[in-house]
Amino acid sequence: MVSFILTLKRLVSGLFRAFKQRNFVALFVLIIIMLFSGTMFYTKQEGMSVIDALYFCVATLSTVGHPDFVPQTDLGKIFTMVYIIVGTGLFLGMVGHLAYALIKGTIREEKRKQAES
């Protein structure tokens, strides 16, 4: 449990550092727009509930995938292909910036500890 709390603390501090970067904020906003537009599309075009559509969009962007849902319409299939290509690139870019912020924070902490010793 202690390990989980320490890891969560590192993640939250990494997020705060990442939000100070313009590129991260831009990617974050684009991801929110992607999630919103995907949710609205699948709700209207494929007849999914808002929660199911949002879940599908998050699973798709995080590259986990959704085993039970396959778009039924041709427009839905085309939209999903574009959504996967564009969204996965944005999501991986955002994760990369977050990882950079976490590593940068870890290096700072190590330097601070060495300076104190």
PDB file of N, CA and C in Angstrom:
ATOM      1  N   MET A   1       0.824  -1.194   0.000  1.00  0.00           N
ATOM      2  CA  MET A   1       0.000   0.000   0.000  1.00  0.00           C
ATOM      3  C   MET A   1       0.869   1.260   0.000  1.00  0.00           C
ATOM      4  N   VAL A   2       1.959   1.231   0.749  1.00  0.00           N
ATOM      5  CA  VAL A   2       2.862   2.369   0.798  1.00  0.00           C
ATOM      6  C   VAL A   2       3.477   2.603  -0.577  1.00  0.00           C
ATOM      7  N   SER A   3       3.847   1.529  -1.238  1.00  0.00           N
ATOM      8  CA  SER A   3       4.425   1.633  -2.577  1.00  0.00           C
ATOM      9  C   SER A   3       3.434   2.288  -3.543  1.00  0.00           C
ATOM     10  N   PHE A   4       2.167   1.914  -3.457  1.00  0.00           N
ATOM     11  CA  PHE A   4       1.138   2.489  -4.321  1.00  0.00           C
ATOM     12  C   PHE A   4       1.006   3.989  -4.065  1.00  0.00           C
ATOM     13  N   ILE A   5       0.999   4.385  -2.812  1.00  0.00           N
ATOM     14  CA  ILE A   5       0.845   5.803  -2.460  1.00  0.00           C
ATOM     15  C   ILE A   5       2.045   6.606  -2.956  1.00  0.00           C
ATOM     16  N   LEU A   6       3.251   6.069  -2.800  1.00  0.00           N
ATOM     17  CA  LEU A   6       4.438   6.767  -3.289  1.00  0.00           C
ATOM     18  C   LEU A   6       4.430   6.888  -4.815  1.00  0.00           C
ATOM     19  N   THR A   7       4.005   5.838  -5.498  1.00  0.00           N
ATOM     20  CA  THR A   7       3.916   5.881  -6.957  1.00  0.00           C
ATOM     21  C   THR A   7       2.865   6.894  -7.401  1.00  0.00           C
ATOM     22  N   LEU A   8       1.741   6.922  -6.721  1.00  0.00           N
ATOM     23  CA  LEU A   8       0.680   7.889  -7.033  1.00  0.00           C
ATOM     24  C   LEU A   8       1.179   9.312  -6.814  1.00  0.00           C
ATOM     25  N   LYS A   9       1.933   9.525  -5.747  1.00  0.00           N
ATOM     26  CA  LYS A   9       2.507  10.850  -5.463  1.00  0.00           C
ATOM     27  C   LYS A   9       3.447  11.270  -6.595  1.00  0.00           C
ATOM     28  N   ARG A  10       4.288  10.345  -7.065  1.00  0.00           N
ATOM     29  CA  ARG A  10       5.193  10.650  -8.180  1.00  0.00           C
ATOM     30  C   ARG A  10       4.421  10.995  -9.450  1.00  0.00           C
ATOM     31  N   LEU A  11       3.342  10.237  -9.705  1.00  0.00           N
ATOM     32  CA  LEU A  11       2.530  10.486 -10.898  1.00  0.00           C
ATOM     33  C   LEU A  11       1.883  11.868 -10.841  1.00  0.00           C
ATOM     34  N   VAL A  12       1.320  12.212  -9.701  1.00  0.00           N
ATOM     35  CA  VAL A  12       0.660  13.515  -9.563  1.00  0.00           C
ATOM     36  C   VAL A  12       1.678  14.647  -9.703  1.00  0.00           C
ATOM     37  N   SER A  13       2.841  14.502  -9.085  1.00  0.00           N
ATOM     38  CA  SER A  13       3.858  15.564  -9.223  1.00  0.00           C
ATOM     39  C   SER A  13       4.353  15.633 -10.674  1.00  0.00           C
ATOM     40  N   GLY A  14       4.447  14.489 -11.344  1.00  0.00           N
ATOM     41  CA  GLY A  14       4.815  14.489 -12.763  1.00  0.00           C
ATOM     42  C   GLY A  14       3.775  15.183 -13.615  1.00  0.00           C
ATOM     43  N   LEU A  15       2.506  14.979 -13.289  1.00  0.00           N
ATOM     44  CA  LEU A  15       1.434  15.662 -14.019  1.00  0.00           C
ATOM     45  C   LEU A  15       1.528  17.174 -13.844  1.00  0.00           C
ATOM     46  N   PHE A  16       1.791  17.615 -12.613  1.00  0.00           N
ATOM     47  CA  PHE A  16       1.932  19.059 -12.385  1.00  0.00           C
ATOM     48  C   PHE A  16       3.096  19.631 -13.186  1.00  0.00           C
ATOM     49  N   ARG A  17       4.221  18.900 -13.223  1.00  0.00           N
ATOM     50  CA  ARG A  17       5.365  19.356 -14.022  1.00  0.00           C
ATOM     51  C   ARG A  17       5.025  19.346 -15.513  1.00  0.00           C
ATOM     52  N   ALA A  18       4.313  18.319 -15.957  1.00  0.00           N
ATOM     53  CA  ALA A  18       3.970  18.201 -17.378  1.00  0.00           C
ATOM     54  C   ALA A  18       3.041  19.331 -17.819  1.00  0.00           C
ATOM     55  N   PHE A  19       2.116  19.740 -16.939  1.00  0.00           N
ATOM     56  CA  PHE A  19       1.178  20.806 -17.315  1.00  0.00           C
ATOM     57  C   PHE A  19       1.870  22.155 -17.462  1.00  0.00           C
ATOM     58  N   LYS A  20       3.115  22.261 -17.020  1.00  0.00           N
ATOM     59  CA  LYS A  20       3.875  23.498 -17.207  1.00  0.00           C
ATOM     60  C   LYS A  20       4.460  23.592 -18.614  1.00  0.00           C
ATOM     61  N   GLN A  21       4.415  22.491 -19.361  1.00  0.00           N
ATOM     62  CA  GLN A  21       4.930  22.464 -20.727  1.00  0.00           C
ATOM     63  C   GLN A  21       3.793  22.762 -21.707  1.00  0.00           C
ATOM     64  N   ARG A  22       4.024  23.674 -22.626  1.00  0.00           N
ATOM     65  CA  ARG A  22       2.990  24.046 -23.606  1.00  0.00           C
ATOM     66  C   ARG A  22       2.572  22.868 -24.476  1.00  0.00           C
ATOM     67  N   ASN A  23       3.547  22.081 -24.900  1.00  0.00           N
ATOM     68  CA  ASN A  23       3.228  20.952 -25.774  1.00  0.00           C
ATOM     69  C   ASN A  23       2.322  19.938 -25.076  1.00  0.00           C
ATOM     70  N   PHE A  24       2.576  19.686 -23.807  1.00  0.00           N
ATOM     71  CA  PHE A  24       1.746  18.744 -23.061  1.00  0.00           C
ATOM     72  C   PHE A  24       0.320  19.267 -22.957  1.00  0.00           C
ATOM     73  N   VAL A  25       0.179  20.534 -22.639  1.00  0.00           N
ATOM     74  CA  VAL A  25      -1.155  21.127 -22.511  1.00  0.00           C
ATOM     75  C   VAL A  25      -1.893  21.052 -23.854  1.00  0.00           C
ATOM     76  N   ALA A  26      -1.193  21.339 -24.946  1.00  0.00           N
ATOM     77  CA  ALA A  26      -1.815  21.256 -26.267  1.00  0.00           C
ATOM     78  C   ALA A  26      -2.264  19.830 -26.573  1.00  0.00           C
ATOM     79  N   LEU A  27      -1.400  18.853 -26.291  1.00  0.00           N
ATOM     80  CA  LEU A  27      -1.771  17.455 -26.517  1.00  0.00           C
ATOM     81  C   LEU A  27      -2.944  17.049 -25.632  1.00  0.00           C
ATOM     82  N   PHE A  28      -2.942  17.498 -24.389  1.00  0.00           N
ATOM     83  CA  PHE A  28      -4.029  17.174 -23.455  1.00  0.00           C
ATOM     84  C   PHE A  28      -5.358  17.726 -23.977  1.00  0.00           C
ATOM     85  N   VAL A  29      -5.345  18.966 -24.437  1.00  0.00           N
ATOM     86  CA  VAL A  29      -6.571  19.577 -24.972  1.00  0.00           C
ATOM     87  C   VAL A  29      -7.036  18.824 -26.223  1.00  0.00           C
ATOM     88  N   LEU A  30      -6.107  18.463 -27.090  1.00  0.00           N
ATOM     89  CA  LEU A  30      -6.471  17.708 -28.291  1.00  0.00           C
ATOM     90  C   LEU A  30      -7.045  16.335 -27.942  1.00  0.00           C
ATOM     91  N   ILE A  31      -6.516  15.691 -26.918  1.00  0.00           N
ATOM     92  CA  ILE A  31      -7.055  14.398 -26.475  1.00  0.00           C
ATOM     93  C   ILE A  31      -8.482  14.579 -25.964  1.00  0.00           C
ATOM     94  N   ILE A  32      -8.719  15.636 -25.188  1.00  0.00           N
ATOM     95  CA  ILE A  32     -10.081  15.907 -24.683  1.00  0.00           C
ATOM     96  C   ILE A  32     -11.030  16.137 -25.860  1.00  0.00           C
ATOM     97  N   ILE A  33     -10.595  16.893 -26.850  1.00  0.00           N
ATOM     98  CA  ILE A  33     -11.419  17.140 -28.043  1.00  0.00           C
ATOM     99  C   ILE A  33     -11.683  15.824 -28.780  1.00  0.00           C
ATOM    100  N   MET A  34     -10.646  14.987 -28.906  1.00  0.00           N
ATOM    101  CA  MET A  34     -10.817  13.676 -29.560  1.00  0.00           C
ATOM    102  C   MET A  34     -11.840  12.825 -28.804  1.00  0.00           C
ATOM    103  N   LEU A  35     -11.719  12.779 -27.483  1.00  0.00           N
ATOM    104  CA  LEU A  35     -12.657  11.981 -26.693  1.00  0.00           C
ATOM    105  C   LEU A  35     -14.083  12.504 -26.839  1.00  0.00           C
ATOM    106  N   PHE A  36     -14.241  13.820 -26.797  1.00  0.00           N
ATOM    107  CA  PHE A  36     -15.569  14.409 -26.928  1.00  0.00           C
ATOM    108  C   PHE A  36     -16.160  14.143 -28.312  1.00  0.00           C
ATOM    109  N   SER A  37     -15.362  14.372 -29.359  1.00  0.00           N
ATOM    110  CA  SER A  37     -15.891  14.181 -30.714  1.00  0.00           C
ATOM    111  C   SER A  37     -16.174  12.703 -30.988  1.00  0.00           C
ATOM    112  N   GLY A  38     -15.299  11.822 -30.526  1.00  0.00           N
ATOM    113  CA  GLY A  38     -15.534  10.389 -30.705  1.00  0.00           C
ATOM    114  C   GLY A  38     -16.779   9.921 -29.973  1.00  0.00           C
ATOM    115  N   THR A  39     -16.944  10.411 -28.745  1.00  0.00           N
ATOM    116  CA  THR A  39     -18.122  10.041 -27.964  1.00  0.00           C
ATOM    117  C   THR A  39     -19.398  10.498 -28.657  1.00  0.00           C
ATOM    118  N   MET A  40     -19.401  11.738 -29.134  1.00  0.00           N
ATOM    119  CA  MET A  40     -20.586  12.249 -29.824  1.00  0.00           C
ATOM    120  C   MET A  40     -20.849  11.467 -31.114  1.00  0.00           C
ATOM    121  N   PHE A  41     -19.792  11.148 -31.868  1.00  0.00           N
ATOM    122  CA  PHE A  41     -19.965  10.414 -33.109  1.00  0.00           C
ATOM    123  C   PHE A  41     -20.575   9.035 -32.848  1.00  0.00           C
ATOM    124  N   TYR A  42     -19.996   8.278 -31.932  1.00  0.00           N
ATOM    125  CA  TYR A  42     -20.489   6.923 -31.686  1.00  0.00           C
ATOM    126  C   TYR A  42     -21.876   6.924 -31.048  1.00  0.00           C
ATOM    127  N   THR A  43     -22.197   7.974 -30.309  1.00  0.00           N
ATOM    128  CA  THR A  43     -23.546   8.087 -29.740  1.00  0.00           C
ATOM    129  C   THR A  43     -24.568   8.313 -30.844  1.00  0.00           C
ATOM    130  N   LYS A  44     -24.251   9.211 -31.763  1.00  0.00           N
ATOM    131  CA  LYS A  44     -25.196   9.542 -32.844  1.00  0.00           C
ATOM    132  C   LYS A  44     -25.203   8.491 -33.953  1.00  0.00           C
ATOM    133  N   GLN A  45     -24.023   8.098 -34.426  1.00  0.00           N
ATOM    134  CA  GLN A  45     -23.926   7.239 -35.607  1.00  0.00           C
ATOM    135  C   GLN A  45     -24.159   5.762 -35.291  1.00  0.00           C
ATOM    136  N   GLU A  46     -23.602   5.284 -34.188  1.00  0.00           N
ATOM    137  CA  GLU A  46     -23.674   3.854 -33.874  1.00  0.00           C
ATOM    138  C   GLU A  46     -24.724   3.524 -32.820  1.00  0.00           C
ATOM    139  N   GLY A  47     -25.366   4.557 -32.260  1.00  0.00           N
ATOM    140  CA  GLY A  47     -26.437   4.328 -31.296  1.00  0.00           C
ATOM    141  C   GLY A  47     -25.966   3.831 -29.937  1.00  0.00           C
ATOM    142  N   MET A  48     -24.734   4.131 -29.566  1.00  0.00           N
ATOM    143  CA  MET A  48     -24.206   3.714 -28.262  1.00  0.00           C
ATOM    144  C   MET A  48     -24.636   4.711 -27.194  1.00  0.00           C
ATOM    145  N   SER A  49     -24.643   4.254 -25.943  1.00  0.00           N
ATOM    146  CA  SER A  49     -24.887   5.189 -24.847  1.00  0.00           C
ATOM    147  C   SER A  49     -23.633   6.048 -24.674  1.00  0.00           C
ATOM    148  N   VAL A  50     -23.777   7.162 -24.003  1.00  0.00           N
ATOM    149  CA  VAL A  50     -22.652   8.078 -23.828  1.00  0.00           C
ATOM    150  C   VAL A  50     -21.513   7.384 -23.074  1.00  0.00           C
ATOM    151  N   ILE A  51     -21.837   6.659 -22.027  1.00  0.00           N
ATOM    152  CA  ILE A  51     -20.802   5.971 -21.240  1.00  0.00           C
ATOM    153  C   ILE A  51     -20.106   4.900 -22.076  1.00  0.00           C
ATOM    154  N   ASP A  52     -20.874   4.117 -22.826  1.00  0.00           N
ATOM    155  CA  ASP A  52     -20.263   3.085 -23.681  1.00  0.00           C
ATOM    156  C   ASP A  52     -19.376   3.706 -24.757  1.00  0.00           C
ATOM    157  N   ALA A  53     -19.834   4.807 -25.347  1.00  0.00           N
ATOM    158  CA  ALA A  53     -19.047   5.476 -26.388  1.00  0.00           C
ATOM    159  C   ALA A  53     -17.763   6.057 -25.807  1.00  0.00           C
ATOM    160  N   LEU A  54     -17.857   6.685 -24.642  1.00  0.00           N
ATOM    161  CA  LEU A  54     -16.664   7.236 -24.000  1.00  0.00           C
ATOM    162  C   LEU A  54     -15.694   6.119 -23.624  1.00  0.00           C
ATOM    163  N   TYR A  55     -16.217   5.028 -23.102  1.00  0.00           N
ATOM    164  CA  TYR A  55     -15.373   3.885 -22.751  1.00  0.00           C
ATOM    165  C   TYR A  55     -14.655   3.346 -23.991  1.00  0.00           C
ATOM    166  N   PHE A  56     -15.374   3.223 -25.088  1.00  0.00           N
ATOM    167  CA  PHE A  56     -14.770   2.751 -26.333  1.00  0.00           C
ATOM    168  C   PHE A  56     -13.681   3.710 -26.793  1.00  0.00           C
ATOM    169  N   CYS A  57     -13.926   5.001 -26.705  1.00  0.00           N
ATOM    170  CA  CYS A  57     -12.944   5.991 -27.143  1.00  0.00           C
ATOM    171  C   CYS A  57     -11.684   5.937 -26.282  1.00  0.00           C
ATOM    172  N   VAL A  58     -11.829   5.856 -24.976  1.00  0.00           N
ATOM    173  CA  VAL A  58     -10.668   5.774 -24.090  1.00  0.00           C
ATOM    174  C   VAL A  58      -9.898   4.483 -24.349  1.00  0.00           C
ATOM    175  N   ALA A  59     -10.610   3.366 -24.495  1.00  0.00           N
ATOM    176  CA  ALA A  59      -9.945   2.080 -24.762  1.00  0.00           C
ATOM    177  C   ALA A  59      -9.211   2.114 -26.101  1.00  0.00           C
ATOM    178  N   THR A  60      -9.780   2.795 -27.073  1.00  0.00           N
ATOM    179  CA  THR A  60      -9.144   2.887 -28.392  1.00  0.00           C
ATOM    180  C   THR A  60      -7.899   3.765 -28.345  1.00  0.00           C
ATOM    181  N   LEU A  61      -8.005   4.944 -27.721  1.00  0.00           N
ATOM    182  CA  LEU A  61      -6.865   5.853 -27.673  1.00  0.00           C
ATOM    183  C   LEU A  61      -5.723   5.298 -26.831  1.00  0.00           C
ATOM    184  N   SER A  62      -6.038   4.519 -25.820  1.00  0.00           N
ATOM    185  CA  SER A  62      -4.981   3.968 -24.967  1.00  0.00           C
ATOM    186  C   SER A  62      -4.418   2.675 -25.549  1.00  0.00           C
ATOM    187  N   THR A  63      -4.835   2.306 -26.725  1.00  0.00           N
ATOM    188  CA  THR A  63      -4.406   1.120 -27.483  1.00  0.00           C
ATOM    189  C   THR A  63      -4.777  -0.195 -26.805  1.00  0.00           C
ATOM    190  N   VAL A  64      -5.677  -0.164 -25.839  1.00  0.00           N
ATOM    191  CA  VAL A  64      -6.153  -1.393 -25.208  1.00  0.00           C
ATOM    192  C   VAL A  64      -7.115  -2.105 -26.140  1.00  0.00           C
ATOM    193  N   GLY A  65      -7.994  -1.338 -26.739  1.00  0.00           N
ATOM    194  CA  GLY A  65      -8.982  -1.907 -27.655  1.00  0.00           C
ATOM    195  C   GLY A  65     -10.235  -2.355 -26.919  1.00  0.00           C
ATOM    196  N   HIS A  66     -11.291  -2.553 -27.656  1.00  0.00           N
ATOM    197  CA  HIS A  66     -12.576  -2.982 -27.101  1.00  0.00           C
ATOM    198  C   HIS A  66     -12.977  -4.266 -27.805  1.00  0.00           C
ATOM    199  N   PRO A  67     -13.022  -5.384 -27.094  1.00  0.00           N
ATOM    200  CA  PRO A  67     -13.243  -6.677 -27.752  1.00  0.00           C
ATOM    201  C   PRO A  67     -14.656  -6.909 -28.273  1.00  0.00           C
ATOM    202  N   ASP A  68     -15.647  -6.193 -27.723  1.00  0.00           N
ATOM    203  CA  ASP A  68     -17.036  -6.500 -28.061  1.00  0.00           C
ATOM    204  C   ASP A  68     -17.652  -5.589 -29.114  1.00  0.00           C
ATOM    205  N   PHE A  69     -17.060  -4.440 -29.358  1.00  0.00           N
ATOM    206  CA  PHE A  69     -17.704  -3.481 -30.254  1.00  0.00           C
ATOM    207  C   PHE A  69     -16.957  -3.384 -31.578  1.00  0.00           C
ATOM    208  N   VAL A  70     -17.715  -3.479 -32.647  1.00  0.00           N
ATOM    209  CA  VAL A  70     -17.218  -3.242 -34.002  1.00  0.00           C
ATOM    210  C   VAL A  70     -18.230  -2.303 -34.660  1.00  0.00           C
ATOM    211  N   PRO A  71     -17.766  -1.180 -35.228  1.00  0.00           N
ATOM    212  CA  PRO A  71     -18.714  -0.270 -35.875  1.00  0.00           C
ATOM    213  C   PRO A  71     -19.539  -1.003 -36.942  1.00  0.00           C
ATOM    214  N   GLN A  72     -20.815  -0.697 -36.995  1.00  0.00           N
ATOM    215  CA  GLN A  72     -21.728  -1.373 -37.910  1.00  0.00           C
ATOM    216  C   GLN A  72     -21.900  -0.653 -39.235  1.00  0.00           C
ATOM    217  N   THR A  73     -21.710   0.649 -39.245  1.00  0.00           N
ATOM    218  CA  THR A  73     -21.919   1.409 -40.478  1.00  0.00           C
ATOM    219  C   THR A  73     -20.576   1.648 -41.180  1.00  0.00           C
ATOM    220  N   ASP A  74     -20.632   1.884 -42.486  1.00  0.00           N
ATOM    221  CA  ASP A  74     -19.407   2.188 -43.230  1.00  0.00           C
ATOM    222  C   ASP A  74     -18.763   3.479 -42.735  1.00  0.00           C
ATOM    223  N   LEU A  75     -19.593   4.495 -42.471  1.00  0.00           N
ATOM    224  CA  LEU A  75     -19.083   5.754 -41.946  1.00  0.00           C
ATOM    225  C   LEU A  75     -18.416   5.524 -40.586  1.00  0.00           C
ATOM    226  N   GLY A  76     -19.006   4.685 -39.765  1.00  0.00           N
ATOM    227  CA  GLY A  76     -18.424   4.356 -38.465  1.00  0.00           C
ATOM    228  C   GLY A  76     -17.080   3.670 -38.601  1.00  0.00           C
ATOM    229  N   LYS A  77     -16.954   2.790 -39.564  1.00  0.00           N
ATOM    230  CA  LYS A  77     -15.683   2.096 -39.775  1.00  0.00           C
ATOM    231  C   LYS A  77     -14.605   3.057 -40.276  1.00  0.00           C
ATOM    232  N   ILE A  78     -14.955   3.946 -41.195  1.00  0.00           N
ATOM    233  CA  ILE A  78     -14.001   4.924 -41.711  1.00  0.00           C
ATOM    234  C   ILE A  78     -13.574   5.875 -40.597  1.00  0.00           C
ATOM    235  N   PHE A  79     -14.553   6.366 -39.832  1.00  0.00           N
ATOM    236  CA  PHE A  79     -14.244   7.267 -38.721  1.00  0.00           C
ATOM    237  C   PHE A  79     -13.312   6.584 -37.721  1.00  0.00           C
ATOM    238  N   THR A  80     -13.573   5.319 -37.422  1.00  0.00           N
ATOM    239  CA  THR A  80     -12.759   4.584 -36.453  1.00  0.00           C
ATOM    240  C   THR A  80     -11.327   4.422 -36.945  1.00  0.00           C
ATOM    241  N   MET A  81     -11.138   4.159 -38.231  1.00  0.00           N
ATOM    242  CA  MET A  81      -9.774   4.037 -38.762  1.00  0.00           C
ATOM    243  C   MET A  81      -8.992   5.338 -38.583  1.00  0.00           C
ATOM    244  N   VAL A  82      -9.614   6.459 -38.932  1.00  0.00           N
ATOM    245  CA  VAL A  82      -8.953   7.756 -38.786  1.00  0.00           C
ATOM    246  C   VAL A  82      -8.744   8.070 -37.305  1.00  0.00           C
ATOM    247  N   TYR A  83      -9.756   7.774 -36.492  1.00  0.00           N
ATOM    248  CA  TYR A  83      -9.699   8.025 -35.045  1.00  0.00           C
ATOM    249  C   TYR A  83      -8.539   7.272 -34.403  1.00  0.00           C
ATOM    250  N   ILE A  84      -8.339   6.027 -34.802  1.00  0.00           N
ATOM    251  CA  ILE A  84      -7.251   5.222 -34.239  1.00  0.00           C
ATOM    252  C   ILE A  84      -5.894   5.805 -34.627  1.00  0.00           C
ATOM    253  N   ILE A  85      -5.713   6.152 -35.883  1.00  0.00           N
ATOM    254  CA  ILE A  85      -4.414   6.652 -36.347  1.00  0.00           C
ATOM    255  C   ILE A  85      -4.079   7.996 -35.695  1.00  0.00           C
ATOM    256  N   VAL A  86      -5.002   8.926 -35.745  1.00  0.00           N
ATOM    257  CA  VAL A  86      -4.748  10.258 -35.197  1.00  0.00           C
ATOM    258  C   VAL A  86      -4.694  10.212 -33.669  1.00  0.00           C
ATOM    259  N   GLY A  87      -5.664   9.559 -33.062  1.00  0.00           N
ATOM    260  CA  GLY A  87      -5.764   9.535 -31.606  1.00  0.00           C
ATOM    261  C   GLY A  87      -4.621   8.812 -30.928  1.00  0.00           C
ATOM    262  N   THR A  88      -4.175   7.715 -31.511  1.00  0.00           N
ATOM    263  CA  THR A  88      -3.081   6.968 -30.900  1.00  0.00           C
ATOM    264  C   THR A  88      -1.800   7.803 -30.923  1.00  0.00           C
ATOM    265  N   GLY A  89      -1.555   8.504 -32.005  1.00  0.00           N
ATOM    266  CA  GLY A  89      -0.382   9.374 -32.073  1.00  0.00           C
ATOM    267  C   GLY A  89      -0.431  10.467 -31.016  1.00  0.00           C
ATOM    268  N   LEU A  90      -1.576  11.106 -30.866  1.00  0.00           N
ATOM    269  CA  LEU A  90      -1.724  12.146 -29.852  1.00  0.00           C
ATOM    270  C   LEU A  90      -1.543  11.578 -28.448  1.00  0.00           C
ATOM    271  N   PHE A  91      -2.166  10.436 -28.195  1.00  0.00           N
ATOM    272  CA  PHE A  91      -2.101   9.830 -26.866  1.00  0.00           C
ATOM    273  C   PHE A  91      -0.673   9.426 -26.518  1.00  0.00           C
ATOM    274  N   LEU A  92       0.029   8.816 -27.459  1.00  0.00           N
ATOM    275  CA  LEU A  92       1.408   8.401 -27.193  1.00  0.00           C
ATOM    276  C   LEU A  92       2.317   9.616 -27.008  1.00  0.00           C
ATOM    277  N   GLY A  93       2.059  10.680 -27.745  1.00  0.00           N
ATOM    278  CA  GLY A  93       2.819  11.916 -27.540  1.00  0.00           C
ATOM    279  C   GLY A  93       2.604  12.479 -26.153  1.00  0.00           C
ATOM    280  N   MET A  94       1.372  12.459 -25.683  1.00  0.00           N
ATOM    281  CA  MET A  94       1.069  12.956 -24.345  1.00  0.00           C
ATOM    282  C   MET A  94       1.732  12.085 -23.276  1.00  0.00           C
ATOM    283  N   VAL A  95       1.680  10.780 -23.444  1.00  0.00           N
ATOM    284  CA  VAL A  95       2.317   9.867 -22.497  1.00  0.00           C
ATOM    285  C   VAL A  95       3.831  10.086 -22.504  1.00  0.00           C
ATOM    286  N   GLY A  96       4.409  10.337 -23.659  1.00  0.00           N
ATOM    287  CA  GLY A  96       5.832  10.619 -23.746  1.00  0.00           C
ATOM    288  C   GLY A  96       6.223  11.866 -22.965  1.00  0.00           C
ATOM    289  N   HIS A  97       5.421  12.919 -23.087  1.00  0.00           N
ATOM    290  CA  HIS A  97       5.687  14.146 -22.327  1.00  0.00           C
ATOM    291  C   HIS A  97       5.547  13.902 -20.828  1.00  0.00           C
ATOM    292  N   LEU A  98       4.576  13.115 -20.440  1.00  0.00           N
ATOM    293  CA  LEU A  98       4.395  12.790 -19.021  1.00  0.00           C
ATOM    294  C   LEU A  98       5.592  11.993 -18.508  1.00  0.00           C
ATOM    295  N   ALA A  99       6.040  11.031 -19.285  1.00  0.00           N
ATOM    296  CA  ALA A  99       7.208  10.235 -18.890  1.00  0.00           C
ATOM    297  C   ALA A  99       8.438  11.129 -18.750  1.00  0.00           C
ATOM    298  N   TYR A 100       8.614  12.070 -19.668  1.00  0.00           N
ATOM    299  CA  TYR A 100       9.738  13.001 -19.587  1.00  0.00           C
ATOM    300  C   TYR A 100       9.672  13.810 -18.295  1.00  0.00           C
ATOM    301  N   ALA A 101       8.479  14.290 -17.945  1.00  0.00           N
ATOM    302  CA  ALA A 101       8.324  15.071 -16.712  1.00  0.00           C
ATOM    303  C   ALA A 101       8.624  14.218 -15.479  1.00  0.00           C
ATOM    304  N   LEU A 102       8.209  12.958 -15.500  1.00  0.00           N
ATOM    305  CA  LEU A 102       8.498  12.066 -14.370  1.00  0.00           C
ATOM    306  C   LEU A 102      10.000  11.817 -14.234  1.00  0.00           C
ATOM    307  N   ILE A 103      10.662  11.568 -15.341  1.00  0.00           N
ATOM    308  CA  ILE A 103      12.104  11.307 -15.306  1.00  0.00           C
ATOM    309  C   ILE A 103      12.864  12.560 -14.871  1.00  0.00           C
ATOM    310  N   LYS A 104      12.449  13.699 -15.390  1.00  0.00           N
ATOM    311  CA  LYS A 104      13.097  14.957 -15.024  1.00  0.00           C
ATOM    312  C   LYS A 104      12.952  15.211 -13.524  1.00  0.00           C
ATOM    313  N   GLY A 105      11.786  14.935 -12.971  1.00  0.00           N
ATOM    314  CA  GLY A 105      11.565  15.106 -11.534  1.00  0.00           C
ATOM    315  C   GLY A 105      12.410  14.151 -10.710  1.00  0.00           C
ATOM    316  N   THR A 106      12.558  12.920 -11.179  1.00  0.00           N
ATOM    317  CA  THR A 106      13.371  11.933 -10.474  1.00  0.00           C
ATOM    318  C   THR A 106      14.837  12.358 -10.466  1.00  0.00           C
ATOM    319  N   ILE A 107      15.318  12.867 -11.581  1.00  0.00           N
ATOM    320  CA  ILE A 107      16.711  13.325 -11.667  1.00  0.00           C
ATOM    321  C   ILE A 107      16.934  14.500 -10.719  1.00  0.00           C
ATOM    322  N   ARG A 108      15.978  15.428 -10.653  1.00  0.00           N
ATOM    323  CA  ARG A 108      16.103  16.567  -9.732  1.00  0.00           C
ATOM    324  C   ARG A 108      16.165  16.099  -8.281  1.00  0.00           C
ATOM    325  N   GLU A 109      15.306  15.134  -7.918  1.00  0.00           N
ATOM    326  CA  GLU A 109      15.305  14.622  -6.553  1.00  0.00           C
ATOM    327  C   GLU A 109      16.634  13.958  -6.210  1.00  0.00           C
ATOM    328  N   GLU A 110      17.188  13.196  -7.154  1.00  0.00           N
ATOM    329  CA  GLU A 110      18.470  12.543  -6.910  1.00  0.00           C
ATOM    330  C   GLU A 110      19.585  13.566  -6.745  1.00  0.00           C
ATOM    331  N   LYS A 111      19.597  14.618  -7.556  1.00  0.00           N
ATOM    332  CA  LYS A 111      20.612  15.660  -7.436  1.00  0.00           C
ATOM    333  C   LYS A 111      20.480  16.390  -6.111  1.00  0.00           C
ATOM    334  N   ARG A 112      19.244  16.627  -5.675  1.00  0.00           N
ATOM    335  CA  ARG A 112      19.007  17.311  -4.411  1.00  0.00           C
ATOM    336  C   ARG A 112      19.505  16.458  -3.241  1.00  0.00           C
ATOM    337  N   LYS A 113      19.272  15.163  -3.293  1.00  0.00           N
ATOM    338  CA  LYS A 113      19.746  14.265  -2.239  1.00  0.00           C
ATOM    339  C   LYS A 113      21.261  14.202  -2.204  1.00  0.00           C
ATOM    340  N   GLN A 114      21.901  14.190  -3.381  1.00  0.00           N
ATOM    341  CA  GLN A 114      23.359  14.173  -3.437  1.00  0.00           C
ATOM    342  C   GLN A 114      23.948  15.473  -2.895  1.00  0.00           C
ATOM    343  N   ALA A 115      23.295  16.574  -3.166  1.00  0.00           N
ATOM    344  CA  ALA A 115      23.776  17.873  -2.687  1.00  0.00           C
ATOM    345  C   ALA A 115      23.664  17.970  -1.154  1.00  0.00           C
ATOM    346  N   GLU A 116      22.646  17.348  -0.597  1.00  0.00           N
ATOM    347  CA  GLU A 116      22.452  17.363   0.852  1.00  0.00           C
ATOM    348  C   GLU A 116      23.459  16.461   1.565  1.00  0.00           C
ATOM    349  N   SER A 117      23.946  15.457   0.867  1.00  0.00           N
ATOM    350  CA  SER A 117      24.880  14.501   1.502  1.00  0.00           C
ATOM    351  C   SER A 117      26.276  15.034   1.632  1.00  0.00           C
TER     352      SER A 117
END
